[in-house]
């Protein structure tokens, strides 16, 4: 029974690391999308890519029990799902740009420490 529990914990750590890497990569993708949308606010493909990435992050954040990241990604999804032009949601756009800028900077700082 002890071996099964050990393998479950080890497997959980592997999954946790995978989710952390994926969430970090997708956070950068969203930040890139937000920056592109500053220049072209009606780029539907970029908006859809951003919302899809946020949806994956939300699932990863649930698994990681990262309430803040889950809330940020959920807010982004609610703000921009089905939107054709981010100027329609300018305040939300600016808020998300600031939030994801902080997340990217935080992730960059962590990776420099390792």
PDB file of N, CA and C in Angstrom:
ATOM      1  N   UNK A   1       0.815  -1.186   0.000  1.00  0.00           N
ATOM      2  CA  UNK A   1       0.000   0.000   0.000  1.00  0.00           C
ATOM      3  C   UNK A   1       0.865   1.259   0.000  1.00  0.00           C
ATOM      4  N   UNK A   2       2.007   1.236   0.723  1.00  0.00           N
ATOM      5  CA  UNK A   2       2.903   2.377   0.785  1.00  0.00           C
ATOM      6  C   UNK A   2       3.480   2.724  -0.579  1.00  0.00           C
ATOM      7  N   UNK A   3       3.802   1.696  -1.398  1.00  0.00           N
ATOM      8  CA  UNK A   3       4.331   1.944  -2.736  1.00  0.00           C
ATOM      9  C   UNK A   3       3.314   2.646  -3.626  1.00  0.00           C
ATOM     10  N   UNK A   4       2.071   2.241  -3.526  1.00  0.00           N
ATOM     11  CA  UNK A   4       1.021   2.862  -4.335  1.00  0.00           C
ATOM     12  C   UNK A   4       0.906   4.345  -3.970  1.00  0.00           C
ATOM     13  N   UNK A   5       0.919   4.648  -2.691  1.00  0.00           N
ATOM     14  CA  UNK A   5       0.825   6.035  -2.250  1.00  0.00           C
ATOM     15  C   UNK A   5       2.032   6.834  -2.732  1.00  0.00           C
ATOM     16  N   UNK A   6       3.238   6.241  -2.655  1.00  0.00           N
ATOM     17  CA  UNK A   6       4.450   6.915  -3.122  1.00  0.00           C
ATOM     18  C   UNK A   6       4.360   7.219  -4.615  1.00  0.00           C
ATOM     19  N   UNK A   7       3.910   6.235  -5.399  1.00  0.00           N
ATOM     20  CA  UNK A   7       3.795   6.443  -6.844  1.00  0.00           C
ATOM     21  C   UNK A   7       2.756   7.516  -7.158  1.00  0.00           C
ATOM     22  N   UNK A   8       1.671   7.552  -6.390  1.00  0.00           N
ATOM     23  CA  UNK A   8       0.648   8.578  -6.618  1.00  0.00           C
ATOM     24  C   UNK A   8       1.210   9.964  -6.327  1.00  0.00           C
ATOM     25  N   UNK A   9       1.988  10.091  -5.252  1.00  0.00           N
ATOM     26  CA  UNK A   9       2.598  11.377  -4.917  1.00  0.00           C
ATOM     27  C   UNK A   9       3.622  11.765  -5.976  1.00  0.00           C
ATOM     28  N   UNK A  10       4.443  10.812  -6.409  1.00  0.00           N
ATOM     29  CA  UNK A  10       5.444  11.092  -7.439  1.00  0.00           C
ATOM     30  C   UNK A  10       4.767  11.484  -8.754  1.00  0.00           C
ATOM     31  N   UNK A  11       3.713  10.785  -9.109  1.00  0.00           N
ATOM     32  CA  UNK A  11       2.980  11.100 -10.326  1.00  0.00           C
ATOM     33  C   UNK A  11       2.344  12.483 -10.214  1.00  0.00           C
ATOM     34  N   UNK A  12       1.813  12.792  -9.051  1.00  0.00           N
ATOM     35  CA  UNK A  12       1.220  14.103  -8.818  1.00  0.00           C
ATOM     36  C   UNK A  12       2.273  15.204  -8.997  1.00  0.00           C
ATOM     37  N   UNK A  13       3.490  14.992  -8.512  1.00  0.00           N
ATOM     38  CA  UNK A  13       4.572  15.976  -8.673  1.00  0.00           C
ATOM     39  C   UNK A  13       4.932  16.156 -10.142  1.00  0.00           C
ATOM     40  N   UNK A  14       4.960  15.050 -10.900  1.00  0.00           N
ATOM     41  CA  UNK A  14       5.250  15.141 -12.328  1.00  0.00           C
ATOM     42  C   UNK A  14       4.180  15.975 -13.016  1.00  0.00           C
ATOM     43  N   UNK A  15       2.920  15.684 -12.710  1.00  0.00           N
ATOM     44  CA  UNK A  15       1.819  16.436 -13.311  1.00  0.00           C
ATOM     45  C   UNK A  15       1.866  17.904 -12.881  1.00  0.00           C
ATOM     46  N   UNK A  16       2.185  18.146 -11.631  1.00  0.00           N
ATOM     47  CA  UNK A  16       2.270  19.509 -11.133  1.00  0.00           C
ATOM     48  C   UNK A  16       3.321  20.291 -11.916  1.00  0.00           C
ATOM     49  N   UNK A  17       4.472  19.698 -12.128  1.00  0.00           N
ATOM     50  CA  UNK A  17       5.538  20.370 -12.883  1.00  0.00           C
ATOM     51  C   UNK A  17       5.121  20.614 -14.329  1.00  0.00           C
ATOM     52  N   UNK A  18       4.434  19.639 -14.928  1.00  0.00           N
ATOM     53  CA  UNK A  18       3.954  19.825 -16.300  1.00  0.00           C
ATOM     54  C   UNK A  18       2.952  20.974 -16.381  1.00  0.00           C
ATOM     55  N   UNK A  19       2.020  21.017 -15.424  1.00  0.00           N
ATOM     56  CA  UNK A  19       1.039  22.093 -15.412  1.00  0.00           C
ATOM     57  C   UNK A  19       1.705  23.447 -15.181  1.00  0.00           C
ATOM     58  N   UNK A  20       2.706  23.489 -14.290  1.00  0.00           N
ATOM     59  CA  UNK A  20       3.417  24.745 -14.050  1.00  0.00           C
ATOM     60  C   UNK A  20       4.099  25.240 -15.320  1.00  0.00           C
ATOM     61  N   UNK A  21       4.767  24.345 -16.024  1.00  0.00           N
ATOM     62  CA  UNK A  21       5.431  24.713 -17.276  1.00  0.00           C
ATOM     63  C   UNK A  21       4.422  25.183 -18.313  1.00  0.00           C
ATOM     64  N   UNK A  22       3.329  24.447 -18.446  1.00  0.00           N
ATOM     65  CA  UNK A  22       2.309  24.797 -19.432  1.00  0.00           C
ATOM     66  C   UNK A  22       1.643  26.131 -19.085  1.00  0.00           C
ATOM     67  N   UNK A  23       1.309  26.340 -17.831  1.00  0.00           N
ATOM     68  CA  UNK A  23       0.693  27.600 -17.424  1.00  0.00           C
ATOM     69  C   UNK A  23       1.649  28.770 -17.655  1.00  0.00           C
ATOM     70  N   UNK A  24       2.915  28.560 -17.400  1.00  0.00           N
ATOM     71  CA  UNK A  24       3.907  29.603 -17.633  1.00  0.00           C
ATOM     72  C   UNK A  24       3.996  29.944 -19.117  1.00  0.00           C
ATOM     73  N   UNK A  25       4.044  28.918 -19.959  1.00  0.00           N
ATOM     74  CA  UNK A  25       4.122  29.124 -21.406  1.00  0.00           C
ATOM     75  C   UNK A  25       2.867  29.838 -21.914  1.00  0.00           C
ATOM     76  N   UNK A  26       1.710  29.403 -21.441  1.00  0.00           N
ATOM     77  CA  UNK A  26       0.448  30.005 -21.894  1.00  0.00           C
ATOM     78  C   UNK A  26       0.263  31.423 -21.360  1.00  0.00           C
ATOM     79  N   UNK A  27       0.792  31.698 -20.186  1.00  0.00           N
ATOM     80  CA  UNK A  27       0.753  33.053 -19.650  1.00  0.00           C
ATOM     81  C   UNK A  27       1.513  34.000 -20.573  1.00  0.00           C
ATOM     82  N   UNK A  28       2.669  33.547 -21.043  1.00  0.00           N
ATOM     83  CA  UNK A  28       3.449  34.359 -21.981  1.00  0.00           C
ATOM     84  C   UNK A  28       2.711  34.507 -23.307  1.00  0.00           C
ATOM     85  N   UNK A  29       2.041  33.447 -23.750  1.00  0.00           N
ATOM     86  CA  UNK A  29       1.268  33.513 -24.990  1.00  0.00           C
ATOM     87  C   UNK A  29       0.146  34.550 -24.863  1.00  0.00           C
ATOM     88  N   UNK A  30      -0.562  34.539 -23.740  1.00  0.00           N
ATOM     89  CA  UNK A  30      -1.632  35.515 -23.532  1.00  0.00           C
ATOM     90  C   UNK A  30      -1.073  36.933 -23.513  1.00  0.00           C
ATOM     91  N   UNK A  31       0.039  37.124 -22.837  1.00  0.00           N
ATOM     92  CA  UNK A  31       0.647  38.448 -22.800  1.00  0.00           C
ATOM     93  C   UNK A  31       1.029  38.906 -24.211  1.00  0.00           C
ATOM     94  N   UNK A  32       1.583  37.990 -25.008  1.00  0.00           N
ATOM     95  CA  UNK A  32       1.905  38.323 -26.404  1.00  0.00           C
ATOM     96  C   UNK A  32       0.640  38.693 -27.179  1.00  0.00           C
ATOM     97  N   UNK A  33      -0.433  37.931 -26.967  1.00  0.00           N
ATOM     98  CA  UNK A  33      -1.712  38.228 -27.638  1.00  0.00           C
ATOM     99  C   UNK A  33      -2.220  39.610 -27.230  1.00  0.00           C
ATOM    100  N   UNK A  34      -2.144  39.923 -25.955  1.00  0.00           N
ATOM    101  CA  UNK A  34      -2.599  41.229 -25.484  1.00  0.00           C
ATOM    102  C   UNK A  34      -1.790  42.351 -26.130  1.00  0.00           C
ATOM    103  N   UNK A  35      -0.492  42.131 -26.264  1.00  0.00           N
ATOM    104  CA  UNK A  35       0.348  43.144 -26.905  1.00  0.00           C
ATOM    105  C   UNK A  35      -0.012  43.295 -28.390  1.00  0.00           C
ATOM    106  N   UNK A  36      -0.295  42.180 -29.065  1.00  0.00           N
ATOM    107  CA  UNK A  36      -0.713  42.248 -30.467  1.00  0.00           C
ATOM    108  C   UNK A  36      -2.046  42.976 -30.592  1.00  0.00           C
ATOM    109  N   UNK A  37      -2.923  42.745 -29.640  1.00  0.00           N
ATOM    110  CA  UNK A  37      -4.241  43.367 -29.696  1.00  0.00           C
ATOM    111  C   UNK A  37      -4.189  44.872 -29.426  1.00  0.00           C
ATOM    112  N   UNK A  38      -3.130  45.327 -28.795  1.00  0.00           N
ATOM    113  CA  UNK A  38      -2.951  46.775 -28.650  1.00  0.00           C
ATOM    114  C   UNK A  38      -2.803  47.427 -30.021  1.00  0.00           C
ATOM    115  N   UNK A  39      -2.127  46.718 -30.923  1.00  0.00           N
ATOM    116  CA  UNK A  39      -1.878  47.235 -32.270  1.00  0.00           C
ATOM    117  C   UNK A  39      -3.037  46.960 -33.219  1.00  0.00           C
ATOM    118  N   UNK A  40      -3.699  45.813 -33.018  1.00  0.00           N
ATOM    119  CA  UNK A  40      -4.799  45.415 -33.900  1.00  0.00           C
ATOM    120  C   UNK A  40      -5.937  44.856 -33.038  1.00  0.00           C
ATOM    121  N   UNK A  41      -6.760  45.737 -32.454  1.00  0.00           N
ATOM    122  CA  UNK A  41      -7.783  45.322 -31.490  1.00  0.00           C
ATOM    123  C   UNK A  41      -8.887  44.427 -32.035  1.00  0.00           C
ATOM    124  N   UNK A  42      -8.994  44.308 -33.352  1.00  0.00           N
ATOM    125  CA  UNK A  42     -10.068  43.489 -33.913  1.00  0.00           C
ATOM    126  C   UNK A  42      -9.549  42.195 -34.553  1.00  0.00           C
ATOM    127  N   UNK A  43      -8.373  41.748 -34.148  1.00  0.00           N
ATOM    128  CA  UNK A  43      -7.805  40.500 -34.663  1.00  0.00           C
ATOM    129  C   UNK A  43      -8.493  39.321 -33.969  1.00  0.00           C
ATOM    130  N   UNK A  44      -9.509  38.780 -34.638  1.00  0.00           N
ATOM    131  CA  UNK A  44     -10.337  37.718 -34.037  1.00  0.00           C
ATOM    132  C   UNK A  44      -9.540  36.466 -33.721  1.00  0.00           C
ATOM    133  N   UNK A  45      -8.589  36.111 -34.583  1.00  0.00           N
ATOM    134  CA  UNK A  45      -7.779  34.910 -34.325  1.00  0.00           C
ATOM    135  C   UNK A  45      -6.976  35.061 -33.039  1.00  0.00           C
ATOM    136  N   UNK A  46      -6.415  36.229 -32.829  1.00  0.00           N
ATOM    137  CA  UNK A  46      -5.630  36.474 -31.616  1.00  0.00           C
ATOM    138  C   UNK A  46      -6.525  36.460 -30.387  1.00  0.00           C
ATOM    139  N   UNK A  47      -7.711  37.038 -30.497  1.00  0.00           N
ATOM    140  CA  UNK A  47      -8.657  37.030 -29.374  1.00  0.00           C
ATOM    141  C   UNK A  47      -9.039  35.592 -29.027  1.00  0.00           C
ATOM    142  N   UNK A  48      -9.355  34.794 -30.035  1.00  0.00           N
ATOM    143  CA  UNK A  48      -9.737  33.396 -29.800  1.00  0.00           C
ATOM    144  C   UNK A  48      -8.576  32.590 -29.206  1.00  0.00           C
ATOM    145  N   UNK A  49      -7.367  32.819 -29.705  1.00  0.00           N
ATOM    146  CA  UNK A  49      -6.187  32.121 -29.173  1.00  0.00           C
ATOM    147  C   UNK A  49      -5.977  32.492 -27.707  1.00  0.00           C
ATOM    148  N   UNK A  50      -6.163  33.763 -27.390  1.00  0.00           N
ATOM    149  CA  UNK A  50      -5.989  34.240 -26.023  1.00  0.00           C
ATOM    150  C   UNK A  50      -7.024  33.605 -25.086  1.00  0.00           C
ATOM    151  N   UNK A  51      -8.284  33.574 -25.508  1.00  0.00           N
ATOM    152  CA  UNK A  51      -9.346  33.002 -24.680  1.00  0.00           C
ATOM    153  C   UNK A  51      -9.137  31.494 -24.505  1.00  0.00           C
ATOM    154  N   UNK A  52      -8.726  30.814 -25.564  1.00  0.00           N
ATOM    155  CA  UNK A  52      -8.461  29.366 -25.463  1.00  0.00           C
ATOM    156  C   UNK A  52      -7.312  29.087 -24.499  1.00  0.00           C
ATOM    157  N   UNK A  53      -6.261  29.885 -24.575  1.00  0.00           N
ATOM    158  CA  UNK A  53      -5.129  29.706 -23.662  1.00  0.00           C
ATOM    159  C   UNK A  53      -5.561  29.956 -22.223  1.00  0.00           C
ATOM    160  N   UNK A  54      -6.388  30.964 -22.011  1.00  0.00           N
ATOM    161  CA  UNK A  54      -6.881  31.263 -20.661  1.00  0.00           C
ATOM    162  C   UNK A  54      -7.724  30.110 -20.116  1.00  0.00           C
ATOM    163  N   UNK A  55      -8.465  29.450 -20.986  1.00  0.00           N
ATOM    164  CA  UNK A  55      -9.277  28.315 -20.564  1.00  0.00           C
ATOM    165  C   UNK A  55      -8.391  27.154 -20.099  1.00  0.00           C
ATOM    166  N   UNK A  56      -7.316  26.911 -20.807  1.00  0.00           N
ATOM    167  CA  UNK A  56      -6.375  25.852 -20.405  1.00  0.00           C
ATOM    168  C   UNK A  56      -5.695  26.233 -19.088  1.00  0.00           C
ATOM    169  N   UNK A  57      -5.318  27.496 -18.965  1.00  0.00           N
ATOM    170  CA  UNK A  57      -4.694  27.959 -17.718  1.00  0.00           C
ATOM    171  C   UNK A  57      -5.653  27.781 -16.549  1.00  0.00           C
ATOM    172  N   UNK A  58      -6.915  28.103 -16.768  1.00  0.00           N
ATOM    173  CA  UNK A  58      -7.905  27.963 -15.688  1.00  0.00           C
ATOM    174  C   UNK A  58      -7.951  26.521 -15.181  1.00  0.00           C
ATOM    175  N   UNK A  59      -7.943  25.562 -16.096  1.00  0.00           N
ATOM    176  CA  UNK A  59      -7.933  24.153 -15.690  1.00  0.00           C
ATOM    177  C   UNK A  59      -6.659  23.794 -14.941  1.00  0.00           C
ATOM    178  N   UNK A  60      -5.525  24.256 -15.433  1.00  0.00           N
ATOM    179  CA  UNK A  60      -4.248  23.997 -14.756  1.00  0.00           C
ATOM    180  C   UNK A  60      -4.210  24.647 -13.386  1.00  0.00           C
ATOM    181  N   UNK A  61      -4.734  25.853 -13.289  1.00  0.00           N
ATOM    182  CA  UNK A  61      -4.741  26.561 -12.008  1.00  0.00           C
ATOM    183  C   UNK A  61      -5.614  25.832 -10.986  1.00  0.00           C
ATOM    184  N   UNK A  62      -6.724  25.260 -11.444  1.00  0.00           N
ATOM    185  CA  UNK A  62      -7.563  24.460 -10.538  1.00  0.00           C
ATOM    186  C   UNK A  62      -6.769  23.283  -9.993  1.00  0.00           C
ATOM    187  N   UNK A  63      -6.068  22.585 -10.904  1.00  0.00           N
ATOM    188  CA  UNK A  63      -5.270  21.431 -10.486  1.00  0.00           C
ATOM    189  C   UNK A  63      -4.182  21.858  -9.504  1.00  0.00           C
ATOM    190  N   UNK A  64      -3.551  22.982  -9.774  1.00  0.00           N
ATOM    191  CA  UNK A  64      -2.467  23.480  -8.931  1.00  0.00           C
ATOM    192  C   UNK A  64      -2.975  24.171  -7.672  1.00  0.00           C
ATOM    193  N   UNK A  65      -4.291  24.356  -7.586  1.00  0.00           N
ATOM    194  CA  UNK A  65      -4.935  25.049  -6.473  1.00  0.00           C
ATOM    195  C   UNK A  65      -4.408  26.476  -6.339  1.00  0.00           C
ATOM    196  N   UNK A  66      -4.189  27.112  -7.504  1.00  0.00           N
ATOM    197  CA  UNK A  66      -3.748  28.509  -7.557  1.00  0.00           C
ATOM    198  C   UNK A  66      -4.986  29.366  -7.805  1.00  0.00           C
ATOM    199  N   UNK A  67      -5.603  29.805  -6.723  1.00  0.00           N
ATOM    200  CA  UNK A  67      -6.874  30.523  -6.790  1.00  0.00           C
ATOM    201  C   UNK A  67      -6.720  31.836  -7.561  1.00  0.00           C
ATOM    202  N   UNK A  68      -5.618  32.541  -7.344  1.00  0.00           N
ATOM    203  CA  UNK A  68      -5.412  33.826  -8.021  1.00  0.00           C
ATOM    204  C   UNK A  68      -5.324  33.641  -9.532  1.00  0.00           C
ATOM    205  N   UNK A  69      -4.521  32.690  -9.982  1.00  0.00           N
ATOM    206  CA  UNK A  69      -4.372  32.451 -11.415  1.00  0.00           C
ATOM    207  C   UNK A  69      -5.686  31.964 -12.022  1.00  0.00           C
ATOM    208  N   UNK A  70      -6.401  31.136 -11.292  1.00  0.00           N
ATOM    209  CA  UNK A  70      -7.702  30.658 -11.774  1.00  0.00           C
ATOM    210  C   UNK A  70      -8.674  31.832 -11.958  1.00  0.00           C
ATOM    211  N   UNK A  71      -8.694  32.743 -10.999  1.00  0.00           N
ATOM    212  CA  UNK A  71      -9.594  33.900 -11.078  1.00  0.00           C
ATOM    213  C   UNK A  71      -9.198  34.836 -12.228  1.00  0.00           C
ATOM    214  N   UNK A  72      -7.917  35.076 -12.401  1.00  0.00           N
ATOM    215  CA  UNK A  72      -7.453  35.954 -13.485  1.00  0.00           C
ATOM    216  C   UNK A  72      -7.833  35.360 -14.837  1.00  0.00           C
ATOM    217  N   UNK A  73      -7.589  34.067 -15.016  1.00  0.00           N
ATOM    218  CA  UNK A  73      -7.908  33.440 -16.301  1.00  0.00           C
ATOM    219  C   UNK A  73      -9.420  33.393 -16.532  1.00  0.00           C
ATOM    220  N   UNK A  74     -10.187  33.141 -15.480  1.00  0.00           N
ATOM    221  CA  UNK A  74     -11.653  33.130 -15.601  1.00  0.00           C
ATOM    222  C   UNK A  74     -12.165  34.516 -15.990  1.00  0.00           C
ATOM    223  N   UNK A  75     -11.601  35.549 -15.390  1.00  0.00           N
ATOM    224  CA  UNK A  75     -11.995  36.922 -15.711  1.00  0.00           C
ATOM    225  C   UNK A  75     -11.695  37.237 -17.168  1.00  0.00           C
ATOM    226  N   UNK A  76     -10.516  36.831 -17.649  1.00  0.00           N
ATOM    227  CA  UNK A  76     -10.165  37.074 -19.049  1.00  0.00           C
ATOM    228  C   UNK A  76     -11.154  36.385 -19.977  1.00  0.00           C
ATOM    229  N   UNK A  77     -11.500  35.150 -19.667  1.00  0.00           N
ATOM    230  CA  UNK A  77     -12.459  34.399 -20.496  1.00  0.00           C
ATOM    231  C   UNK A  77     -13.801  35.124 -20.526  1.00  0.00           C
ATOM    232  N   UNK A  78     -14.285  35.522 -19.353  1.00  0.00           N
ATOM    233  CA  UNK A  78     -15.582  36.196 -19.283  1.00  0.00           C
ATOM    234  C   UNK A  78     -15.571  37.538 -20.016  1.00  0.00           C
ATOM    235  N   UNK A  79     -14.454  38.252 -19.957  1.00  0.00           N
ATOM    236  CA  UNK A  79     -14.365  39.556 -20.616  1.00  0.00           C
ATOM    237  C   UNK A  79     -14.331  39.457 -22.136  1.00  0.00           C
ATOM    238  N   UNK A  80     -13.628  38.453 -22.664  1.00  0.00           N
ATOM    239  CA  UNK A  80     -13.324  38.473 -24.090  1.00  0.00           C
ATOM    240  C   UNK A  80     -13.893  37.323 -24.915  1.00  0.00           C
ATOM    241  N   UNK A  81     -14.566  36.365 -24.301  1.00  0.00           N
ATOM    242  CA  UNK A  81     -15.162  35.277 -25.068  1.00  0.00           C
ATOM    243  C   UNK A  81     -16.256  35.834 -25.978  1.00  0.00           C
ATOM    244  N   UNK A  82     -16.124  35.590 -27.269  1.00  0.00           N
ATOM    245  CA  UNK A  82     -17.099  36.053 -28.242  1.00  0.00           C
ATOM    246  C   UNK A  82     -16.945  37.501 -28.670  1.00  0.00           C
ATOM    247  N   UNK A  83     -15.934  38.190 -28.154  1.00  0.00           N
ATOM    248  CA  UNK A  83     -15.711  39.590 -28.509  1.00  0.00           C
ATOM    249  C   UNK A  83     -14.978  39.656 -29.850  1.00  0.00           C
ATOM    250  N   UNK A  84     -15.365  40.592 -30.682  1.00  0.00           N
ATOM    251  CA  UNK A  84     -14.728  40.760 -31.995  1.00  0.00           C
ATOM    252  C   UNK A  84     -13.717  41.903 -32.010  1.00  0.00           C
ATOM    253  N   UNK A  85     -13.781  42.759 -31.018  1.00  0.00           N
ATOM    254  CA  UNK A  85     -12.880  43.905 -30.958  1.00  0.00           C
ATOM    255  C   UNK A  85     -12.664  44.239 -29.487  1.00  0.00           C
ATOM    256  N   UNK A  86     -11.409  44.183 -29.028  1.00  0.00           N
ATOM    257  CA  UNK A  86     -11.145  44.387 -27.604  1.00  0.00           C
ATOM    258  C   UNK A  86     -11.405  45.815 -27.153  1.00  0.00           C
ATOM    259  N   UNK A  87     -11.536  46.747 -28.085  1.00  0.00           N
ATOM    260  CA  UNK A  87     -11.854  48.125 -27.695  1.00  0.00           C
ATOM    261  C   UNK A  87     -13.228  48.203 -27.044  1.00  0.00           C
ATOM    262  N   UNK A  88     -14.071  47.204 -27.323  1.00  0.00           N
ATOM    263  CA  UNK A  88     -15.386  47.144 -26.679  1.00  0.00           C
ATOM    264  C   UNK A  88     -15.256  46.959 -25.166  1.00  0.00           C
ATOM    265  N   UNK A  89     -14.142  46.432 -24.753  1.00  0.00           N
ATOM    266  CA  UNK A  89     -13.899  46.141 -23.334  1.00  0.00           C
ATOM    267  C   UNK A  89     -12.574  46.780 -22.907  1.00  0.00           C
ATOM    268  N   UNK A  90     -12.386  48.052 -23.192  1.00  0.00           N
ATOM    269  CA  UNK A  90     -11.105  48.719 -23.000  1.00  0.00           C
ATOM    270  C   UNK A  90     -10.597  48.641 -21.564  1.00  0.00           C
ATOM    271  N   UNK A  91     -11.470  48.893 -20.589  1.00  0.00           N
ATOM    272  CA  UNK A  91     -11.015  48.842 -19.189  1.00  0.00           C
ATOM    273  C   UNK A  91     -10.560  47.438 -18.813  1.00  0.00           C
ATOM    274  N   UNK A  92     -11.328  46.447 -19.232  1.00  0.00           N
ATOM    275  CA  UNK A  92     -10.943  45.062 -18.960  1.00  0.00           C
ATOM    276  C   UNK A  92      -9.657  44.690 -19.673  1.00  0.00           C
ATOM    277  N   UNK A  93      -9.512  45.178 -20.889  1.00  0.00           N
ATOM    278  CA  UNK A  93      -8.300  44.919 -21.658  1.00  0.00           C
ATOM    279  C   UNK A  93      -7.077  45.472 -20.926  1.00  0.00           C
ATOM    280  N   UNK A  94      -7.167  46.701 -20.474  1.00  0.00           N
ATOM    281  CA  UNK A  94      -6.040  47.322 -19.772  1.00  0.00           C
ATOM    282  C   UNK A  94      -5.735  46.596 -18.464  1.00  0.00           C
ATOM    283  N   UNK A  95      -6.778  46.174 -17.757  1.00  0.00           N
ATOM    284  CA  UNK A  95      -6.579  45.436 -16.513  1.00  0.00           C
ATOM    285  C   UNK A  95      -5.874  44.105 -16.784  1.00  0.00           C
ATOM    286  N   UNK A  96      -6.330  43.372 -17.815  1.00  0.00           N
ATOM    287  CA  UNK A  96      -5.725  42.084 -18.133  1.00  0.00           C
ATOM    288  C   UNK A  96      -4.279  42.252 -18.599  1.00  0.00           C
ATOM    289  N   UNK A  97      -4.010  43.295 -19.375  1.00  0.00           N
ATOM    290  CA  UNK A  97      -2.648  43.555 -19.823  1.00  0.00           C
ATOM    291  C   UNK A  97      -1.734  43.760 -18.617  1.00  0.00           C
ATOM    292  N   UNK A  98      -2.202  44.536 -17.651  1.00  0.00           N
ATOM    293  CA  UNK A  98      -1.413  44.754 -16.433  1.00  0.00           C
ATOM    294  C   UNK A  98      -1.218  43.487 -15.626  1.00  0.00           C
ATOM    295  N   UNK A  99      -2.274  42.698 -15.482  1.00  0.00           N
ATOM    296  CA  UNK A  99      -2.185  41.451 -14.700  1.00  0.00           C
ATOM    297  C   UNK A  99      -1.221  40.458 -15.348  1.00  0.00           C
ATOM    298  N   UNK A 100      -1.357  40.283 -16.661  1.00  0.00           N
ATOM    299  CA  UNK A 100      -0.496  39.307 -17.320  1.00  0.00           C
ATOM    300  C   UNK A 100       0.936  39.815 -17.442  1.00  0.00           C
ATOM    301  N   UNK A 101       1.121  41.126 -17.493  1.00  0.00           N
ATOM    302  CA  UNK A 101       2.482  41.674 -17.466  1.00  0.00           C
ATOM    303  C   UNK A 101       3.143  41.295 -16.135  1.00  0.00           C
ATOM    304  N   UNK A 102       2.389  41.430 -15.030  1.00  0.00           N
ATOM    305  CA  UNK A 102       2.930  41.059 -13.717  1.00  0.00           C
ATOM    306  C   UNK A 102       3.222  39.566 -13.646  1.00  0.00           C
ATOM    307  N   UNK A 103       2.328  38.728 -14.178  1.00  0.00           N
ATOM    308  CA  UNK A 103       2.546  37.279 -14.152  1.00  0.00           C
ATOM    309  C   UNK A 103       3.790  36.889 -14.955  1.00  0.00           C
ATOM    310  N   UNK A 104       3.948  37.488 -16.131  1.00  0.00           N
ATOM    311  CA  UNK A 104       5.113  37.180 -16.969  1.00  0.00           C
ATOM    312  C   UNK A 104       6.388  37.618 -16.264  1.00  0.00           C
ATOM    313  N   UNK A 105       6.370  38.798 -15.672  1.00  0.00           N
ATOM    314  CA  UNK A 105       7.556  39.274 -14.949  1.00  0.00           C
ATOM    315  C   UNK A 105       7.873  38.384 -13.760  1.00  0.00           C
ATOM    316  N   UNK A 106       6.835  37.928 -13.055  1.00  0.00           N
ATOM    317  CA  UNK A 106       7.025  37.037 -11.909  1.00  0.00           C
ATOM    318  C   UNK A 106       7.614  35.699 -12.356  1.00  0.00           C
ATOM    319  N   UNK A 107       7.079  35.147 -13.456  1.00  0.00           N
ATOM    320  CA  UNK A 107       7.593  33.879 -13.981  1.00  0.00           C
ATOM    321  C   UNK A 107       9.026  34.033 -14.476  1.00  0.00           C
ATOM    322  N   UNK A 108       9.316  35.164 -15.106  1.00  0.00           N
ATOM    323  CA  UNK A 108      10.668  35.407 -15.599  1.00  0.00           C
ATOM    324  C   UNK A 108      11.648  35.490 -14.424  1.00  0.00           C
ATOM    325  N   UNK A 109      11.233  36.156 -13.369  1.00  0.00           N
ATOM    326  CA  UNK A 109      12.076  36.280 -12.185  1.00  0.00           C
ATOM    327  C   UNK A 109      12.349  34.912 -11.560  1.00  0.00           C
ATOM    328  N   UNK A 110      11.305  34.077 -11.474  1.00  0.00           N
ATOM    329  CA  UNK A 110      11.476  32.716 -10.928  1.00  0.00           C
ATOM    330  C   UNK A 110      12.456  31.903 -11.756  1.00  0.00           C
ATOM    331  N   UNK A 111      12.321  31.980 -13.093  1.00  0.00           N
ATOM    332  CA  UNK A 111      13.198  31.169 -13.953  1.00  0.00           C
ATOM    333  C   UNK A 111      14.642  31.641 -13.862  1.00  0.00           C
ATOM    334  N   UNK A 112      14.862  32.911 -13.596  1.00  0.00           N
ATOM    335  CA  UNK A 112      16.226  33.422 -13.444  1.00  0.00           C
ATOM    336  C   UNK A 112      16.855  32.937 -12.150  1.00  0.00           C
ATOM    337  N   UNK A 113      16.025  32.677 -11.141  1.00  0.00           N
ATOM    338  CA  UNK A 113      16.540  32.203  -9.855  1.00  0.00           C
ATOM    339  C   UNK A 113      16.929  30.729  -9.912  1.00  0.00           C
ATOM    340  N   UNK A 114      16.336  29.972 -10.826  1.00  0.00           N
ATOM    341  CA  UNK A 114      16.622  28.530 -10.890  1.00  0.00           C
ATOM    342  C   UNK A 114      17.832  28.233 -11.708  1.00  0.00           C
TER     343      UNK A 114
END
